[in-house]
Amino acid sequence: MTKTKSTFLALLAVLLTPLAANADLIASFGTGSTGSAVGGSLTSSLPVSDTNNALYFQGATTPASNWVWPALVNGFEEVTFTFSFDLTGFDLNSVALTGLWGIDNIGTVSLNGNLLSSLPNVVVGNFAVLTAFSANLASQFNQGANSLVFSVSNAGGPGAFRAAGTVTGNVSVPEPGTLALLGLGLAGIGMSRRKKA
C-alpha cells in the first residue's frame, strides 16, 4: 500500500469516527465579584456591585456567584441582566442550559424570549433559597446568538439578585453525505497526485 493511500485511509477513518457523546462546557456565568462569564458575556442595564443580607441564601453555587444590586436609593429599581452566548457550530439537540437564581423581590428568566422561570410574588422564598431554571429543547436555542435575560425588580427596601448557570453541548457532526463527499474529494486529490508522480 502506498504512503499516500495509507495516509488517506487513516484520515478517512478519523473523519468517520463519531464524536464522544459526553457534552462539553460551552459557556458559564455567575454574578458578583466572585463570579465570571466564560464563553459569553454577562451585562446589566444598571451598574451593580456586591450586596448581602443575613436573610439571603448564603450557600455556594457552581459557577461561583454573589448577590448584587445597583447602589440606588429609591428602593424600586428595575434591572435587566443578560447573559449572551453563541451556539454556532453546536448540535442544538445536545445543548442544555441549567442554573440557579434568586431575587429580592420579583422577576422572570427568559431564553430568546421564551419564559423559563418566574418569581412573581414578593415572598421570602425568592431570596432565602435559589430557584432552578433550565432549557434542553433544540427549539429553545438559536444556531448562533442566544440571550438569557433576567428581568428583575425591587418592590421597596433593599434589593438583590444572584444567578449562576452553565451551557453544555456537543459540536455538530457532519451528515454522512457530507463526509462521503469529503472522502471522494480527498480520493480525487490523492489520485491526481499519484498520476503526476
Protein backbone atom coordinates (compact mmCIF):
# COMPACT_ATOMS: atom_id res chain seq x y z
CA MET A 1 0.00 0.00 0.00
CA THR A 2 1.40 3.41 -0.95
CA LYS A 3 2.08 6.06 1.68
CA THR A 4 -0.49 8.40 0.10
CA LYS A 5 -3.20 5.74 0.18
CA SER A 6 -2.49 4.72 3.79
CA THR A 7 -2.50 8.41 4.86
CA PHE A 8 -5.81 8.93 3.08
CA LEU A 9 -7.38 5.86 4.74
CA ALA A 10 -6.18 6.99 8.18
CA LEU A 11 -7.67 10.46 7.61
CA LEU A 12 -10.96 8.98 6.41
CA ALA A 13 -11.14 6.74 9.49
CA VAL A 14 -10.73 9.78 11.76
CA LEU A 15 -13.44 11.69 9.87
CA LEU A 16 -15.89 8.81 10.11
CA THR A 17 -15.32 8.18 13.84
CA PRO A 18 -18.30 9.62 15.78
CA LEU A 19 -17.64 12.30 18.38
CA ALA A 20 -17.90 11.43 22.05
CA ALA A 21 -21.42 11.55 23.46
CA ASN A 22 -20.36 13.48 26.57
CA ALA A 23 -21.39 17.12 26.44
CA ASP A 24 -18.67 19.76 26.77
CA LEU A 25 -18.91 23.08 28.59
CA ILE A 26 -19.81 25.81 26.09
CA ALA A 27 -20.37 28.78 28.41
CA SER A 28 -20.95 29.65 32.07
CA PHE A 29 -21.63 32.69 34.25
CA GLY A 30 -22.02 33.83 37.83
CA THR A 31 -22.97 37.24 39.25
CA GLY A 32 -20.83 39.38 41.53
CA SER A 33 -17.15 39.80 42.25
CA THR A 34 -16.55 36.06 42.68
CA GLY A 35 -18.50 35.29 39.50
CA SER A 36 -17.33 35.50 35.92
CA ALA A 37 -18.54 34.80 32.39
CA VAL A 38 -16.80 32.14 30.30
CA GLY A 39 -17.71 31.62 26.64
CA GLY A 40 -20.13 34.53 26.73
CA SER A 41 -20.79 37.90 28.37
CA LEU A 42 -22.92 38.98 31.33
CA THR A 43 -24.19 42.57 31.29
CA SER A 44 -26.63 44.61 33.36
CA SER A 45 -28.82 47.57 32.45
CA LEU A 46 -27.53 49.47 35.52
CA PRO A 47 -24.11 49.34 37.22
CA VAL A 48 -24.18 46.83 40.09
CA SER A 49 -21.92 45.83 42.98
CA ASP A 50 -21.89 43.08 45.59
CA THR A 51 -24.53 43.29 48.31
CA ASN A 52 -25.68 40.96 51.06
CA ASN A 53 -28.18 40.42 53.84
CA ALA A 54 -28.24 37.72 56.53
CA LEU A 55 -31.61 36.55 55.18
CA TYR A 56 -30.24 35.88 51.68
CA PHE A 57 -29.18 32.39 50.62
CA GLN A 58 -25.51 32.05 51.63
CA GLY A 59 -24.64 28.70 50.03
CA ALA A 60 -22.12 28.23 47.23
CA THR A 61 -23.03 27.88 43.56
CA THR A 62 -21.14 26.35 40.65
CA PRO A 63 -20.02 28.55 38.95
CA ALA A 64 -19.39 30.89 41.87
CA SER A 65 -21.73 33.86 42.37
CA ASN A 66 -22.57 36.72 44.76
CA TRP A 67 -25.65 38.80 45.42
CA VAL A 68 -25.55 42.11 43.52
CA TRP A 69 -27.69 45.24 43.14
CA PRO A 70 -27.37 48.87 41.95
CA ALA A 71 -26.35 51.46 44.53
CA LEU A 72 -29.61 53.41 44.23
CA VAL A 73 -31.75 54.88 46.99
CA ASN A 74 -35.36 54.83 45.81
CA GLY A 75 -35.94 51.13 46.57
CA PHE A 76 -37.94 50.48 43.38
CA GLU A 77 -35.20 49.69 40.86
CA GLU A 78 -35.80 47.60 37.74
CA VAL A 79 -32.73 45.89 36.30
CA THR A 80 -32.12 43.59 33.34
CA PHE A 81 -29.23 41.13 33.40
CA THR A 82 -28.34 39.48 30.07
CA PHE A 83 -26.05 36.51 29.53
CA SER A 84 -25.17 36.32 25.81
CA PHE A 85 -23.59 33.21 24.28
CA ASP A 86 -23.08 31.77 20.78
CA LEU A 87 -24.01 28.25 19.63
CA THR A 88 -22.62 28.45 16.10
CA GLY A 89 -21.33 25.01 15.14
CA PHE A 90 -23.02 23.17 18.03
CA ASP A 91 -25.66 20.43 17.76
CA LEU A 92 -28.75 22.10 19.24
CA ASN A 93 -30.22 18.67 20.11
CA SER A 94 -27.34 18.17 22.56
CA VAL A 95 -27.39 21.63 24.17
CA ALA A 96 -28.58 22.09 27.76
CA LEU A 97 -28.79 25.20 29.93
CA THR A 98 -29.05 24.84 33.72
CA GLY A 99 -28.80 27.35 36.53
CA LEU A 100 -29.99 28.85 39.79
CA TRP A 101 -31.33 32.32 40.59
CA GLY A 102 -32.77 34.38 43.41
CA ILE A 103 -34.20 37.88 43.74
CA ASP A 104 -35.26 40.38 46.37
CA ASN A 105 -38.09 40.87 45.21
CA ILE A 106 -39.61 39.66 41.87
CA GLY A 107 -38.59 38.75 38.34
CA THR A 108 -38.52 36.42 35.33
CA VAL A 109 -35.94 34.39 33.41
CA SER A 110 -36.28 34.10 29.62
CA LEU A 111 -34.19 32.43 26.93
CA ASN A 112 -34.51 34.01 23.49
CA GLY A 113 -37.89 35.44 24.50
CA ASN A 114 -39.24 32.17 25.98
CA LEU A 115 -40.10 32.18 29.70
CA LEU A 116 -38.07 29.64 31.72
CA SER A 117 -38.84 30.70 35.31
CA SER A 118 -40.85 33.30 37.19
CA LEU A 119 -40.91 34.60 40.76
CA PRO A 120 -43.93 36.94 40.54
CA ASN A 121 -44.80 37.36 44.23
CA VAL A 122 -42.93 39.20 46.98
CA VAL A 123 -42.04 36.31 49.30
CA VAL A 124 -39.03 35.42 51.47
CA GLY A 125 -38.53 32.22 49.45
CA ASN A 126 -37.36 34.27 46.45
CA PHE A 127 -34.10 35.07 48.24
CA ALA A 128 -33.90 32.57 51.13
CA VAL A 129 -33.31 29.78 48.58
CA LEU A 130 -32.22 29.78 44.94
CA THR A 131 -34.65 28.61 42.26
CA ALA A 132 -33.61 26.28 39.44
CA PHE A 133 -34.14 27.07 35.75
CA SER A 134 -33.29 25.01 32.69
CA ALA A 135 -33.69 24.57 28.94
CA ASN A 136 -32.85 21.46 26.91
CA LEU A 137 -35.02 21.50 23.79
CA ALA A 138 -33.39 22.34 20.44
CA SER A 139 -36.31 24.70 19.69
CA GLN A 140 -35.36 26.88 22.67
CA PHE A 141 -31.90 27.69 21.27
CA ASN A 142 -30.62 29.59 18.24
CA GLN A 143 -27.87 28.37 15.93
CA GLY A 144 -25.81 31.49 16.59
CA ALA A 145 -26.50 34.27 19.13
CA ASN A 146 -28.55 33.42 22.25
CA SER A 147 -29.72 35.65 25.12
CA LEU A 148 -30.63 34.55 28.62
CA VAL A 149 -32.43 37.53 30.18
CA PHE A 150 -33.24 38.13 33.85
CA SER A 151 -35.81 40.93 34.21
CA VAL A 152 -35.87 41.74 37.93
CA SER A 153 -37.25 44.46 40.15
CA ASN A 154 -37.29 45.61 43.75
CA ALA A 155 -40.67 46.33 45.33
CA GLY A 156 -39.18 48.57 48.01
CA GLY A 157 -36.45 48.46 50.64
CA PRO A 158 -33.20 46.58 49.91
CA GLY A 159 -32.85 44.81 46.59
CA ALA A 160 -30.59 41.97 45.45
CA PHE A 161 -30.10 39.49 42.62
CA ARG A 162 -27.98 36.36 42.30
CA ALA A 163 -27.61 33.84 39.47
CA ALA A 164 -25.25 31.22 38.09
CA GLY A 165 -25.56 28.89 35.13
CA THR A 166 -23.87 26.68 32.55
CA VAL A 167 -24.44 25.80 28.90
CA THR A 168 -23.22 22.41 27.67
CA GLY A 169 -23.41 20.60 24.33
CA ASN A 170 -21.57 18.88 21.50
CA VAL A 171 -20.05 20.23 18.31
CA SER A 172 -22.18 19.38 15.26
CA VAL A 173 -21.22 16.16 13.46
CA PRO A 174 -21.27 16.44 9.64
CA GLU A 175 -24.03 14.47 7.89
CA PRO A 176 -22.88 11.12 6.40
CA GLY A 177 -23.45 12.51 2.90
CA THR A 178 -21.14 15.43 3.64
CA LEU A 179 -18.47 13.05 4.90
CA ALA A 180 -18.85 10.89 1.79
CA LEU A 181 -18.37 13.94 -0.47
CA LEU A 182 -15.33 14.97 1.55
CA GLY A 183 -13.92 11.45 1.18
CA LEU A 184 -14.46 11.48 -2.58
CA GLY A 185 -12.76 14.85 -2.82
CA LEU A 186 -9.76 13.62 -0.86
CA ALA A 187 -9.63 10.47 -3.00
CA GLY A 188 -9.63 12.61 -6.14
CA ILE A 189 -6.75 14.70 -4.81
CA GLY A 190 -4.83 11.55 -3.97
CA MET A 191 -5.38 10.08 -7.44
CA SER A 192 -4.34 13.27 -9.21
CA ARG A 193 -1.14 13.46 -7.15
CA ARG A 194 -0.43 9.81 -7.98
CA LYS A 195 -0.84 10.41 -11.72
CA LYS A 196 1.57 13.36 -11.60
CA ALA A 197 4.22 11.23 -9.85
